[in-house]
Amino acid sequence: MILFRKIKWKNFLSTGNYFTELQFDKSPNTLIVGSNGAGKSTMLDALCFALFGKPFRSVNKPQLLNSINGKDCVVEVEFDTGNKHYKIVRGIKPNIFEIWQDGEMINQEAAVKDYQEHLEKFILKLNYKSFTQIVILGSASFTPFMQLSPGDRRTIIEDLLDIQIFSAMNSVLKDKMINNKDLSTNKKYDIDLMQQKHDMQKKHIEELQQNNEEKVKEYEDEIQSNSSVVSNLTNEVATFSGQVDELQTLVETKIEVETKVKKITKLESQIETNLSKFRKDINFFEHNDDCPTCRQAIALEFKEKELTTLSTKATECEHGLQQLETKLLEEQAKLNTINETQKKIQAIQVKIATHTTTITETNKYIKRLEKEIEGLKTTKVSTEKQTKELKELEDSLVTLQAELKELIAEKTYYEVAANLLKDTGIKTKIIKQYLPIINKLVNKYLASFDFFVNFNLDESFKETIKSRHRDDFTYASFSEGEKQKIDLALLFSWRAVAKLKNSANTNLLILDEVFDSSLDANGTEYLMNILHMLEGTNVFVISHKGDILQDKFRSVIRFEKVKNFSRIMK
């Protein structure tokens, strides 16, 4: 279980050069209120930034830094897992990312290859998507589970059920299967070579029975022939090595090209995010004459000015995306060429290895023939020693064949294991066991909202929703209020399953403006009843309805903005 203790931040968004601190484990339920822009939702962005390096809302990383102070942006989060205490420190200008365990910082160079990956896989055991489905439900930059792709839905549930280990095992297994294939190929080559040696030795023994002078002449011809082979192969190896050197120059640029592709892709994503925001704002001004918050009319001059500015920015983004797409295609073409070149190098290296082995074995064979000639010229050769060597070759051949048989059996075992570890294997079996529990929990929470439908997730994570009269519905067909009830039911179900599995279980639950959106009065009461029933949970509710809700919460935190800086009212 992850037991969140506290969070503090400074120079983050609208917060000034002093720490704003919130205690997560102090109260079972806390209401956070404040006017628009007062900073009451800053905690969400700070928490996600500290843990995952990106905010909850659609805010670019440079924009997280307080624009007035312009430096020393720091967020610190403290939590416990098991008997270990962790503190995560992340900052901007200077860039900081530190993981502290029981008062000592984890070595960023030696202990962990990928710092962020270590935090998510081995400490939190949650990624960003799972965290925002289990811990946070908000109205801004939040994609409900029902709007996720089947693949993303699978990832959430695999994290929830703590079965991602099978994906890691599958990755290790793939490496073992590749190694098995390589060993089998080499073993087959060794067997072929040993068989050749055996046949040559057997033939050699037979030939020793013939006239020595004839054998000398025959061996001399054999030596000449094999020497020619060695010479030709040696020349080819030299040629191949030259080709590898030429091609390697191109391959050395791969990292540079890959880095460019990643930068372009990241920049495209950032521009697309900005473009989406500009289009959303344009749509707002085109279709709204009044402010949705204060209900006052929007000045026409201000509206036209904003539309002009936003349209210009949107056009610039679109033009930038076109340019980036062209550049991306160019770099990807380079990368494809490099990959093809690598394949060519690998093919040439195989030829070099094969030629080198043949040269070595042929030279050994030539030397052996030379020795045989020397023996034949001096004395009558006994076949006793040769027969003994033949027996040794036969024994070696049997051993190699037995080893190959073991590798084939090992391959069969790996193939069976691979079938178990793929998505349709053991993971699906575990998911099948928990799907009835998940569906039961979702329907239970829906009933708590006085929303009586039959919700069902199947093995492909597609939903079917039926009314009492067995009418079929989709998530999209419901009202916003009904959708929110489904989202909340899923959130509470994930947390219940996490607690059951003790996988992604945590004390922290944050609801951002949930009470301010589509819930009616009854829905509000139903939700409060559920929140009061949650055991071992510290609930934080961010809302504009402080006057209505404050009596329902044990603790109330009020944010205000003084001289352009957000702070907690004392």
Protein backbone atom coordinates (compact mmCIF):
# COMPACT_ATOMS: atom_id res chain seq x y z
CA MET A 1 0.00 0.00 0.00
CA ILE A 2 1.11 3.54 -0.79
CA LEU A 3 0.48 5.79 2.23
CA PHE A 4 0.84 9.39 1.11
CA ARG A 5 1.99 11.68 3.94
CA LYS A 6 2.38 15.22 2.60
CA ILE A 7 3.22 17.47 -0.32
CA LYS A 8 4.78 20.89 -0.54
CA TRP A 9 5.66 23.20 -3.43
CA LYS A 10 7.04 26.65 -4.22
CA ASN A 11 7.42 28.78 -7.34
CA PHE A 12 5.00 26.33 -8.96
CA LEU A 13 2.31 27.89 -11.19
CA SER A 14 0.86 30.80 -9.20
CA THR A 15 2.65 29.93 -5.93
CA GLY A 16 5.47 32.28 -4.88
CA ASN A 17 8.91 31.75 -3.36
CA TYR A 18 7.67 30.00 -0.24
CA PHE A 19 6.48 26.47 0.42
CA THR A 20 2.79 25.67 0.40
CA GLU A 21 2.33 22.44 2.35
CA LEU A 22 -0.60 19.99 2.59
CA GLN A 23 -0.80 17.05 4.98
CA PHE A 24 -2.37 14.11 3.18
CA ASP A 25 -2.91 11.81 6.18
CA LYS A 26 -4.27 14.36 8.67
CA SER A 27 -8.03 14.20 7.99
CA PRO A 28 -10.29 11.48 6.52
CA ASN A 29 -12.01 14.09 4.33
CA THR A 30 -10.93 17.58 3.34
CA LEU A 31 -12.67 20.23 1.26
CA ILE A 32 -10.48 22.60 -0.78
CA VAL A 33 -12.19 25.81 -1.85
CA GLY A 34 -11.29 29.11 -3.41
CA SER A 35 -12.20 31.44 -6.22
CA ASN A 36 -11.22 30.84 -9.84
CA GLY A 37 -7.45 31.16 -10.26
CA ALA A 38 -6.81 31.03 -6.52
CA GLY A 39 -4.71 27.86 -6.91
CA LYS A 40 -6.93 25.23 -5.36
CA SER A 41 -6.22 22.71 -8.14
CA THR A 42 -2.47 23.35 -8.04
CA MET A 43 -2.02 20.35 -5.74
CA LEU A 44 -3.11 17.99 -8.57
CA ASP A 45 -0.52 19.34 -10.97
CA ALA A 46 2.17 19.40 -8.29
CA LEU A 47 1.49 15.80 -7.25
CA CYS A 48 1.53 14.44 -10.81
CA PHE A 49 4.59 16.51 -11.71
CA ALA A 50 6.55 15.24 -8.71
CA LEU A 51 5.68 11.58 -9.36
CA PHE A 52 5.58 11.42 -13.16
CA GLY A 53 7.29 14.57 -14.45
CA LYS A 54 4.12 16.00 -15.99
CA PRO A 55 1.09 17.86 -14.56
CA PHE A 56 -2.46 16.61 -14.31
CA ARG A 57 -3.82 19.43 -16.44
CA SER A 58 -2.73 20.36 -19.97
CA VAL A 59 0.13 22.65 -18.99
CA ASN A 60 3.51 22.61 -20.71
CA LYS A 61 6.47 21.99 -18.41
CA PRO A 62 8.01 25.51 -18.87
CA GLN A 63 4.65 27.02 -17.89
CA LEU A 64 4.77 25.24 -14.50
CA LEU A 65 7.52 27.62 -13.40
CA ASN A 66 6.14 30.74 -11.71
CA SER A 67 6.47 33.45 -14.35
CA ILE A 68 7.17 36.22 -11.81
CA ASN A 69 10.05 34.58 -9.91
CA GLY A 70 11.27 32.50 -12.87
CA LYS A 71 13.38 29.98 -10.90
CA ASP A 72 13.62 27.54 -7.98
CA CYS A 73 10.43 25.66 -8.80
CA VAL A 74 10.36 22.67 -6.40
CA VAL A 75 7.79 20.02 -5.48
CA GLU A 76 8.33 17.46 -2.70
CA VAL A 77 6.06 14.47 -2.02
CA GLU A 78 6.47 12.08 0.91
CA PHE A 79 4.89 8.63 1.21
CA ASP A 80 5.39 5.19 2.75
CA THR A 81 5.33 1.77 1.09
CA GLY A 82 5.61 -1.17 3.47
CA ASN A 83 8.22 -0.21 6.07
CA LYS A 84 10.06 2.23 3.78
CA HIS A 85 9.68 6.01 3.69
CA TYR A 86 10.17 7.85 0.40
CA LYS A 87 10.55 11.49 -0.56
CA ILE A 88 10.40 12.53 -4.22
CA VAL A 89 11.93 15.89 -5.12
CA ARG A 90 11.47 17.37 -8.59
CA GLY A 91 12.23 20.89 -9.76
CA ILE A 92 12.68 23.29 -12.65
CA LYS A 93 15.50 25.85 -12.99
CA PRO A 94 17.47 24.10 -11.80
CA ASN A 95 16.15 20.75 -13.03
CA ILE A 96 15.97 18.35 -10.10
CA PHE A 97 14.79 14.76 -9.82
CA GLU A 98 15.70 12.92 -6.62
CA ILE A 99 14.37 9.79 -4.93
CA TRP A 100 15.07 9.55 -1.19
CA GLN A 101 14.58 6.27 0.67
CA ASP A 102 14.68 6.34 4.47
CA GLY A 103 16.69 9.57 4.42
CA GLU A 104 19.24 8.50 1.79
CA MET A 105 19.11 9.46 -1.89
CA ILE A 106 19.11 6.59 -4.36
CA ASN A 107 22.21 6.82 -6.54
CA GLN A 108 21.09 8.14 -9.90
CA GLU A 109 24.09 6.74 -11.76
CA ALA A 110 24.95 3.37 -10.25
CA ALA A 111 21.78 1.96 -8.67
CA VAL A 112 19.12 2.67 -11.27
CA LYS A 113 19.50 2.72 -15.04
CA ASP A 114 16.27 4.65 -15.61
CA TYR A 115 15.31 6.77 -12.58
CA GLN A 116 11.68 7.37 -13.62
CA GLU A 117 11.17 3.76 -14.66
CA HIS A 118 12.52 2.63 -11.28
CA LEU A 119 10.09 4.93 -9.46
CA GLU A 120 7.04 3.70 -11.41
CA LYS A 121 7.86 -0.04 -11.65
CA PHE A 122 9.53 -0.80 -8.34
CA ILE A 123 8.30 1.84 -5.86
CA LEU A 124 4.89 3.20 -6.92
CA LYS A 125 4.02 0.19 -9.12
CA LEU A 126 1.79 2.65 -10.98
CA ASN A 127 2.18 4.59 -14.20
CA TYR A 128 0.58 7.96 -14.96
CA LYS A 129 -2.51 6.50 -16.65
CA SER A 130 -3.21 4.10 -13.77
CA PHE A 131 -2.57 6.79 -11.17
CA THR A 132 -5.11 9.14 -12.76
CA GLN A 133 -7.70 6.35 -12.86
CA ILE A 134 -7.29 5.14 -9.26
CA VAL A 135 -6.23 8.21 -7.26
CA ILE A 136 -7.60 11.23 -9.14
CA LEU A 137 -10.90 12.01 -10.80
CA GLY A 138 -10.95 15.46 -12.30
CA SER A 139 -12.67 17.56 -14.87
CA ALA A 140 -9.51 18.92 -16.51
CA SER A 141 -7.27 16.90 -18.84
CA PHE A 142 -8.77 13.70 -17.59
CA THR A 143 -9.70 10.81 -19.85
CA PRO A 144 -12.21 8.50 -18.13
CA PHE A 145 -11.65 4.77 -18.32
CA MET A 146 -14.65 4.44 -20.59
CA GLN A 147 -13.01 6.72 -23.17
CA LEU A 148 -9.68 4.85 -23.21
CA SER A 149 -8.66 2.43 -25.95
CA PRO A 150 -8.88 -1.34 -25.20
CA GLY A 151 -5.06 -1.40 -24.95
CA ASP A 152 -4.97 1.39 -22.37
CA ARG A 153 -7.85 -0.24 -20.49
CA ARG A 154 -5.84 -3.49 -20.39
CA THR A 155 -2.80 -1.61 -19.00
CA ILE A 156 -4.91 -0.08 -16.20
CA ILE A 157 -6.37 -3.44 -15.18
CA GLU A 158 -3.01 -5.24 -15.43
CA ASP A 159 -1.51 -2.62 -13.08
CA LEU A 160 -4.52 -2.98 -10.81
CA LEU A 161 -4.20 -6.79 -10.65
CA ASP A 162 -0.39 -6.63 -10.38
CA ILE A 163 0.15 -8.92 -13.37
CA GLN A 164 2.57 -6.72 -15.32
CA ILE A 165 5.26 -9.10 -14.03
CA PHE A 166 4.09 -11.58 -16.66
CA SER A 167 4.91 -9.05 -19.41
CA ALA A 168 8.40 -8.69 -17.94
CA MET A 169 8.74 -12.48 -17.77
CA ASN A 170 7.62 -12.70 -21.40
CA SER A 171 10.34 -10.24 -22.38
CA VAL A 172 12.98 -12.33 -20.58
CA LEU A 173 11.58 -15.47 -22.19
CA LYS A 174 11.89 -13.95 -25.67
CA ASP A 175 15.59 -13.33 -24.99
CA LYS A 176 15.99 -16.95 -23.87
CA MET A 177 14.23 -18.19 -27.00
CA ILE A 178 16.56 -16.13 -29.18
CA ASN A 179 19.56 -17.53 -27.28
CA ASN A 180 18.17 -21.06 -27.66
CA LYS A 181 17.82 -20.55 -31.40
CA ASP A 182 21.40 -19.28 -31.66
CA LEU A 183 22.75 -22.18 -29.60
CA SER A 184 20.79 -24.70 -31.67
CA THR A 185 22.13 -23.21 -34.91
CA ASN A 186 25.70 -23.35 -33.60
CA LYS A 187 25.17 -26.89 -32.30
CA LYS A 188 23.90 -28.05 -35.69
CA TYR A 189 26.96 -26.48 -37.28
CA ASP A 190 29.21 -28.28 -34.78
CA ILE A 191 27.48 -31.58 -35.52
CA ASP A 192 27.90 -31.08 -39.27
CA LEU A 193 31.56 -30.22 -38.75
CA MET A 194 32.10 -33.18 -36.43
CA GLN A 195 30.35 -35.45 -38.92
CA GLN A 196 32.68 -34.20 -41.61
CA LYS A 197 35.69 -34.87 -39.38
CA HIS A 198 34.36 -38.33 -38.59
CA ASP A 199 33.81 -39.16 -42.24
CA MET A 200 37.22 -37.81 -43.13
CA GLN A 201 38.87 -39.83 -40.38
CA LYS A 202 37.08 -43.00 -41.42
CA LYS A 203 38.05 -42.43 -44.99
CA HIS A 204 41.57 -41.69 -43.88
CA ILE A 205 41.87 -45.01 -42.11
CA GLU A 206 40.64 -46.83 -45.20
CA GLU A 207 43.09 -44.99 -47.38
CA LEU A 208 45.99 -45.90 -45.07
CA GLN A 209 45.57 -49.44 -46.27
CA GLN A 210 46.45 -48.43 -49.82
CA ASN A 211 49.82 -47.84 -51.36
CA ASN A 212 51.77 -45.15 -49.52
CA GLU A 213 53.16 -43.53 -52.66
CA GLU A 214 49.73 -43.15 -54.15
CA LYS A 215 48.48 -41.65 -50.91
CA VAL A 216 51.36 -39.17 -50.80
CA LYS A 217 50.52 -37.94 -54.30
CA GLU A 218 46.80 -37.76 -53.40
CA TYR A 219 47.47 -35.79 -50.20
CA GLU A 220 49.72 -33.36 -51.99
CA ASP A 221 46.94 -32.67 -54.50
CA GLU A 222 44.49 -32.29 -51.61
CA ILE A 223 46.79 -29.82 -49.89
CA GLN A 224 47.14 -27.77 -53.05
CA SER A 225 43.39 -27.70 -53.58
CA ASN A 226 42.64 -26.71 -49.98
CA SER A 227 45.38 -24.09 -49.98
CA SER A 228 43.69 -22.51 -52.97
CA VAL A 229 40.40 -22.53 -51.07
CA VAL A 230 42.05 -20.88 -48.07
CA SER A 231 43.61 -18.21 -50.29
CA ASN A 232 40.29 -17.43 -51.98
CA LEU A 233 38.40 -17.32 -48.68
CA THR A 234 41.05 -15.09 -47.12
CA ASN A 235 40.69 -12.62 -49.99
CA GLU A 236 36.92 -12.66 -49.61
CA VAL A 237 37.20 -12.06 -45.84
CA ALA A 238 39.41 -9.02 -46.52
CA THR A 239 36.85 -7.71 -49.02
CA PHE A 240 33.96 -8.29 -46.61
CA SER A 241 35.82 -6.52 -43.78
CA GLY A 242 36.33 -3.49 -46.02
CA GLN A 243 32.61 -3.45 -46.82
CA VAL A 244 31.75 -3.58 -43.09
CA ASP A 245 34.05 -0.63 -42.37
CA GLU A 246 32.39 1.42 -45.12
CA LEU A 247 28.86 0.60 -43.96
CA GLN A 248 29.65 1.13 -40.27
CA THR A 249 30.24 4.83 -40.91
CA LEU A 250 26.57 5.26 -41.82
CA VAL A 251 25.33 3.18 -38.83
CA GLU A 252 27.26 5.39 -36.40
CA THR A 253 24.78 8.18 -37.12
CA LYS A 254 21.83 6.08 -35.88
CA ILE A 255 21.75 7.51 -32.34
CA GLU A 256 21.82 11.05 -33.72
CA VAL A 257 18.94 10.31 -36.13
CA GLU A 258 16.90 8.50 -33.41
CA THR A 259 17.40 11.48 -31.10
CA LYS A 260 16.12 13.84 -33.83
CA VAL A 261 13.05 11.61 -34.39
CA LYS A 262 12.28 11.62 -30.65
CA LYS A 263 12.70 15.40 -30.43
CA ILE A 264 10.50 15.98 -33.49
CA THR A 265 7.83 13.59 -32.16
CA LYS A 266 7.88 15.30 -28.75
CA LEU A 267 7.65 18.73 -30.36
CA GLU A 268 4.74 17.58 -32.54
CA SER A 269 2.94 16.39 -29.41
CA GLN A 270 3.52 19.72 -27.69
CA ILE A 271 2.31 21.70 -30.72
CA GLU A 272 -0.76 19.44 -31.10
CA THR A 273 -1.59 20.05 -27.44
CA ASN A 274 -1.33 23.82 -27.95
CA LEU A 275 -3.34 23.61 -31.19
CA SER A 276 -6.08 21.67 -29.41
CA LYS A 277 -6.23 24.33 -26.71
CA PHE A 278 -6.34 27.18 -29.25
CA ARG A 279 -9.15 25.47 -31.20
CA LYS A 280 -11.06 24.88 -27.98
CA ASP A 281 -10.71 28.55 -27.01
CA ILE A 282 -11.72 29.65 -30.56
CA ASN A 283 -14.80 27.45 -30.35
CA PHE A 284 -15.66 28.94 -26.97
CA PHE A 285 -15.50 32.56 -28.19
CA GLU A 286 -17.34 31.71 -31.42
CA HIS A 287 -20.25 30.08 -29.60
CA ASN A 288 -20.43 31.98 -26.32
CA ASP A 289 -21.39 35.59 -25.68
CA ASP A 290 -21.41 35.28 -21.89
CA CYS A 291 -18.84 34.09 -19.38
CA PRO A 292 -19.96 30.62 -18.13
CA THR A 293 -18.60 31.38 -14.66
CA CYS A 294 -19.73 34.89 -13.82
CA ARG A 295 -22.61 34.99 -16.46
CA GLN A 296 -21.52 38.46 -17.59
CA ALA A 297 -21.43 39.41 -21.25
CA ILE A 298 -18.10 39.16 -23.03
CA ALA A 299 -17.08 42.43 -24.62
CA LEU A 300 -17.24 42.24 -28.43
CA GLU A 301 -13.91 44.05 -28.85
CA PHE A 302 -12.23 41.67 -26.41
CA LYS A 303 -13.87 38.68 -28.10
CA GLU A 304 -12.73 39.74 -31.61
CA LYS A 305 -9.22 40.45 -30.36
CA GLU A 306 -9.00 37.05 -28.69
CA LEU A 307 -10.34 35.26 -31.80
CA THR A 308 -7.78 37.02 -34.00
CA THR A 309 -4.92 36.15 -31.64
CA LEU A 310 -6.05 32.55 -31.21
CA SER A 311 -6.57 32.03 -34.96
CA THR A 312 -3.09 33.35 -35.66
CA LYS A 313 -1.60 31.02 -33.07
CA ALA A 314 -3.60 28.05 -34.40
CA THR A 315 -2.41 28.78 -37.97
CA GLU A 316 1.17 28.99 -36.76
CA CYS A 317 0.77 25.63 -34.99
CA GLU A 318 -0.70 23.99 -38.10
CA HIS A 319 2.12 25.35 -40.26
CA GLY A 320 4.65 24.15 -37.70
CA LEU A 321 3.09 20.67 -37.65
CA GLN A 322 3.36 20.45 -41.46
CA GLN A 323 7.03 21.39 -41.34
CA LEU A 324 7.70 18.90 -38.53
CA GLU A 325 5.90 16.11 -40.39
CA THR A 326 8.10 16.70 -43.44
CA LYS A 327 11.23 16.69 -41.29
CA LEU A 328 10.03 13.57 -39.43
CA LEU A 329 9.55 11.70 -42.70
CA GLU A 330 13.06 12.66 -43.76
CA GLU A 331 14.62 11.46 -40.50
CA GLN A 332 12.55 8.24 -40.49
CA ALA A 333 13.75 7.56 -44.05
CA LYS A 334 17.33 7.98 -42.82
CA LEU A 335 16.59 5.65 -39.91
CA ASN A 336 15.14 3.02 -42.26
CA THR A 337 18.29 3.24 -44.40
CA ILE A 338 20.46 2.81 -41.33
CA ASN A 339 18.42 -0.22 -40.17
CA GLU A 340 18.76 -1.82 -43.58
CA THR A 341 22.49 -1.12 -43.47
CA GLN A 342 22.72 -2.84 -40.08
CA LYS A 343 21.05 -5.90 -41.56
CA LYS A 344 23.59 -5.86 -44.40
CA ILE A 345 26.45 -5.61 -41.89
CA GLN A 346 25.04 -8.54 -39.89
CA ALA A 347 24.72 -10.65 -43.05
CA ILE A 348 28.32 -9.82 -44.06
CA GLN A 349 29.58 -10.60 -40.54
CA VAL A 350 27.91 -14.02 -40.69
CA LYS A 351 29.74 -14.67 -43.97
CA ILE A 352 33.03 -13.53 -42.40
CA ALA A 353 32.50 -15.83 -39.38
CA THR A 354 31.64 -18.78 -41.63
CA HIS A 355 34.66 -18.14 -43.88
CA THR A 356 36.97 -17.74 -40.89
CA THR A 357 35.81 -21.04 -39.38
CA THR A 358 36.27 -22.78 -42.72
CA ILE A 359 39.76 -21.30 -43.11
CA THR A 360 40.75 -22.43 -39.62
CA GLU A 361 39.43 -25.94 -40.10
CA THR A 362 40.92 -26.21 -43.59
CA ASN A 363 44.34 -25.11 -42.32
CA LYS A 364 44.10 -27.70 -39.58
CA TYR A 365 43.21 -30.27 -42.19
CA ILE A 366 46.17 -29.21 -44.37
CA LYS A 367 48.56 -29.53 -41.45
CA ARG A 368 47.21 -32.95 -40.66
CA LEU A 369 47.67 -34.03 -44.27
CA GLU A 370 51.26 -32.76 -44.15
CA LYS A 371 51.90 -34.85 -41.07
CA GLU A 372 50.35 -37.87 -42.73
CA ILE A 373 52.59 -37.42 -45.75
CA GLU A 374 55.64 -37.23 -43.50
CA GLY A 375 54.64 -40.43 -41.75
CA LEU A 376 53.89 -42.24 -44.97
CA LYS A 377 57.31 -41.36 -46.39
CA THR A 378 59.26 -42.67 -43.41
CA THR A 379 57.45 -45.76 -42.25
CA LYS A 380 54.46 -47.94 -42.57
CA VAL A 381 51.69 -46.28 -40.60
CA SER A 382 49.74 -48.22 -38.05
CA THR A 383 45.98 -47.70 -38.06
CA GLU A 384 45.60 -48.32 -34.35
CA LYS A 385 45.98 -44.67 -33.37
CA GLN A 386 43.67 -43.53 -36.17
CA THR A 387 41.03 -45.99 -35.09
CA LYS A 388 41.21 -44.63 -31.55
CA GLU A 389 40.72 -41.07 -32.85
CA LEU A 390 37.75 -42.24 -34.91
CA LYS A 391 36.17 -43.65 -31.75
CA GLU A 392 36.71 -40.31 -29.99
CA LEU A 393 35.06 -38.49 -32.87
CA GLU A 394 32.11 -40.89 -32.72
CA ASP A 395 31.76 -40.23 -28.95
CA SER A 396 31.93 -36.45 -29.51
CA LEU A 397 29.29 -36.72 -32.22
CA VAL A 398 26.95 -38.61 -29.87
CA THR A 399 27.49 -35.96 -27.17
CA LEU A 400 26.71 -33.11 -29.56
CA GLN A 401 23.56 -34.84 -30.80
CA ALA A 402 22.40 -35.32 -27.19
CA GLU A 403 23.02 -31.62 -26.47
CA LEU A 404 21.04 -30.65 -29.56
CA LYS A 405 18.20 -32.87 -28.40
CA GLU A 406 18.19 -31.04 -25.04
CA LEU A 407 18.06 -27.68 -26.84
CA ILE A 408 15.10 -28.88 -28.94
CA ALA A 409 13.31 -30.01 -25.77
CA GLU A 410 14.14 -26.65 -24.17
CA LYS A 411 12.67 -24.86 -27.19
CA THR A 412 9.43 -26.82 -26.79
CA TYR A 413 9.28 -25.80 -23.12
CA TYR A 414 9.87 -22.14 -24.03
CA GLU A 415 7.12 -22.24 -26.66
CA VAL A 416 4.65 -23.60 -24.08
CA ALA A 417 5.72 -20.90 -21.61
CA ALA A 418 5.40 -18.21 -24.31
CA ASN A 419 1.80 -19.27 -24.98
CA LEU A 420 1.08 -18.96 -21.25
CA LEU A 421 2.72 -15.52 -20.88
CA LYS A 422 1.22 -13.77 -23.91
CA ASP A 423 -1.84 -11.55 -23.50
CA THR A 424 -4.22 -14.40 -24.29
CA GLY A 425 -2.53 -16.74 -21.80
CA ILE A 426 -2.24 -16.66 -18.03
CA LYS A 427 -2.92 -12.89 -17.80
CA THR A 428 -6.28 -13.35 -19.49
CA LYS A 429 -7.05 -16.26 -17.13
CA ILE A 430 -6.37 -14.03 -14.09
CA ILE A 431 -8.37 -11.18 -15.61
CA LYS A 432 -11.28 -13.62 -16.21
CA GLN A 433 -11.26 -14.44 -12.50
CA TYR A 434 -11.49 -10.80 -11.48
CA LEU A 435 -13.86 -9.48 -14.15
CA PRO A 436 -16.97 -10.78 -12.30
CA ILE A 437 -15.71 -9.08 -9.12
CA ILE A 438 -15.04 -5.81 -10.99
CA ASN A 439 -18.47 -5.89 -12.67
CA LYS A 440 -20.18 -6.65 -9.38
CA LEU A 441 -18.40 -3.74 -7.67
CA VAL A 442 -19.26 -1.31 -10.48
CA ASN A 443 -22.93 -2.25 -10.36
CA LYS A 444 -22.87 -2.01 -6.56
CA TYR A 445 -21.55 1.56 -6.69
CA LEU A 446 -23.97 2.47 -9.49
CA ALA A 447 -26.79 1.25 -7.28
CA SER A 448 -25.42 3.46 -4.49
CA PHE A 449 -26.02 6.38 -6.86
CA ASP A 450 -29.58 5.15 -7.44
CA PHE A 451 -28.52 4.33 -11.00
CA PHE A 452 -29.80 0.85 -11.78
CA VAL A 453 -28.26 -0.59 -14.93
CA ASN A 454 -26.35 -3.80 -15.62
CA PHE A 455 -22.75 -2.80 -16.41
CA ASN A 456 -20.45 -5.50 -17.79
CA LEU A 457 -16.82 -5.50 -19.01
CA ASP A 458 -15.82 -8.46 -21.20
CA GLU A 459 -12.39 -10.05 -21.71
CA SER A 460 -11.53 -7.55 -24.46
CA PHE A 461 -12.43 -4.72 -22.01
CA LYS A 462 -15.43 -3.64 -24.05
CA GLU A 463 -18.51 -2.66 -22.10
CA THR A 464 -22.16 -3.60 -22.41
CA ILE A 465 -24.73 -1.62 -20.46
CA LYS A 466 -28.32 -2.82 -20.15
CA SER A 467 -31.30 -1.27 -18.45
CA ARG A 468 -33.71 -3.16 -16.24
CA HIS A 469 -35.72 -3.86 -19.36
CA ARG A 470 -32.61 -5.26 -21.12
CA ASP A 471 -32.28 -2.30 -23.43
CA ASP A 472 -28.75 -1.89 -24.75
CA PHE A 473 -26.88 1.35 -24.06
CA THR A 474 -23.42 2.72 -24.68
CA TYR A 475 -21.43 5.01 -22.42
CA ALA A 476 -21.82 7.82 -24.97
CA SER A 477 -25.61 7.54 -24.95
CA PHE A 478 -25.94 8.63 -21.29
CA SER A 479 -26.21 12.17 -19.96
CA GLU A 480 -23.16 13.89 -18.49
CA GLY A 481 -24.49 13.29 -15.00
CA GLU A 482 -24.97 9.57 -15.69
CA LYS A 483 -21.52 9.35 -17.27
CA GLN A 484 -20.04 10.88 -14.16
CA LYS A 485 -21.79 8.28 -12.00
CA ILE A 486 -20.26 5.53 -14.16
CA ASP A 487 -16.80 7.19 -13.91
CA LEU A 488 -17.12 7.41 -10.13
CA ALA A 489 -18.34 3.83 -9.85
CA LEU A 490 -15.30 2.66 -11.84
CA LEU A 491 -12.97 4.78 -9.69
CA PHE A 492 -14.31 3.29 -6.46
CA SER A 493 -14.25 -0.21 -7.99
CA TRP A 494 -10.58 0.16 -8.99
CA ARG A 495 -9.73 1.23 -5.46
CA ALA A 496 -11.67 -1.68 -3.96
CA VAL A 497 -9.89 -4.19 -6.21
CA ALA A 498 -6.53 -2.51 -5.49
CA LYS A 499 -7.19 -2.90 -1.78
CA LEU A 500 -8.19 -6.52 -2.30
CA LYS A 501 -5.02 -7.23 -4.31
CA ASN A 502 -2.85 -4.79 -2.30
CA SER A 503 -1.34 -3.80 -5.66
CA ALA A 504 -2.19 -0.18 -6.42
CA ASN A 505 -3.79 0.39 -3.01
CA THR A 506 -3.40 3.89 -1.56
CA ASN A 507 -4.87 6.10 1.15
CA LEU A 508 -5.21 9.09 -1.19
CA LEU A 509 -8.32 9.98 -3.22
CA ILE A 510 -8.71 13.37 -4.91
CA LEU A 511 -11.91 14.57 -6.60
CA ASP A 512 -11.49 17.74 -8.64
CA GLU A 513 -14.68 19.74 -9.21
CA VAL A 514 -16.74 16.54 -9.33
CA PHE A 515 -19.42 18.14 -7.19
CA ASP A 516 -19.42 21.21 -9.46
CA SER A 517 -20.21 19.54 -12.76
CA SER A 518 -23.11 17.25 -13.59
CA LEU A 519 -24.15 15.79 -10.24
CA ASP A 520 -27.56 16.83 -9.01
CA ALA A 521 -28.48 17.22 -5.33
CA ASN A 522 -29.30 13.54 -4.93
CA GLY A 523 -26.09 12.55 -6.69
CA THR A 524 -24.16 14.79 -4.31
CA GLU A 525 -25.72 13.11 -1.29
CA TYR A 526 -25.10 9.63 -2.70
CA LEU A 527 -21.45 10.50 -3.38
CA MET A 528 -20.96 11.90 0.12
CA ASN A 529 -22.42 8.69 1.59
CA ILE A 530 -19.89 6.62 -0.40
CA LEU A 531 -17.00 8.87 0.64
CA HIS A 532 -17.93 8.60 4.33
CA MET A 533 -17.95 4.79 4.01
CA LEU A 534 -14.38 4.60 2.63
CA GLU A 535 -12.10 3.19 5.33
CA GLY A 536 -8.43 4.10 5.57
CA THR A 537 -8.83 6.76 2.90
CA ASN A 538 -7.89 10.43 2.97
CA VAL A 539 -10.31 12.16 0.60
CA PHE A 540 -9.63 15.60 -0.86
CA VAL A 541 -12.46 17.36 -2.70
CA ILE A 542 -11.75 20.48 -4.77
CA SER A 543 -14.90 22.51 -5.31
CA HIS A 544 -16.42 25.94 -5.89
CA LYS A 545 -19.38 24.97 -3.68
CA GLY A 546 -17.72 25.72 -0.36
CA ASP A 547 -20.85 27.28 1.12
CA ILE A 548 -22.87 24.14 0.35
CA LEU A 549 -20.33 21.43 1.11
CA GLN A 550 -18.18 22.72 3.97
CA ASP A 551 -20.47 21.34 6.69
CA LYS A 552 -20.08 17.87 5.23
CA PHE A 553 -16.28 17.75 5.64
CA ARG A 554 -14.04 17.27 8.66
CA SER A 555 -11.48 19.77 7.36
CA VAL A 556 -11.68 22.79 5.02
CA ILE A 557 -8.69 24.40 3.25
CA ARG A 558 -9.26 27.74 1.55
CA PHE A 559 -6.93 29.11 -1.16
CA GLU A 560 -6.73 32.80 -2.00
CA LYS A 561 -4.64 34.94 -4.33
CA VAL A 562 -2.76 37.88 -2.84
CA LYS A 563 -0.59 40.10 -5.04
CA ASN A 564 -0.68 37.53 -7.88
CA PHE A 565 0.49 34.68 -5.60
CA SER A 566 -1.64 31.78 -4.35
CA ARG A 567 -1.59 30.86 -0.69
CA ILE A 568 -3.56 28.97 1.94
CA MET A 569 -5.66 31.19 4.19
CA LYS A 570 -4.76 30.85 7.85
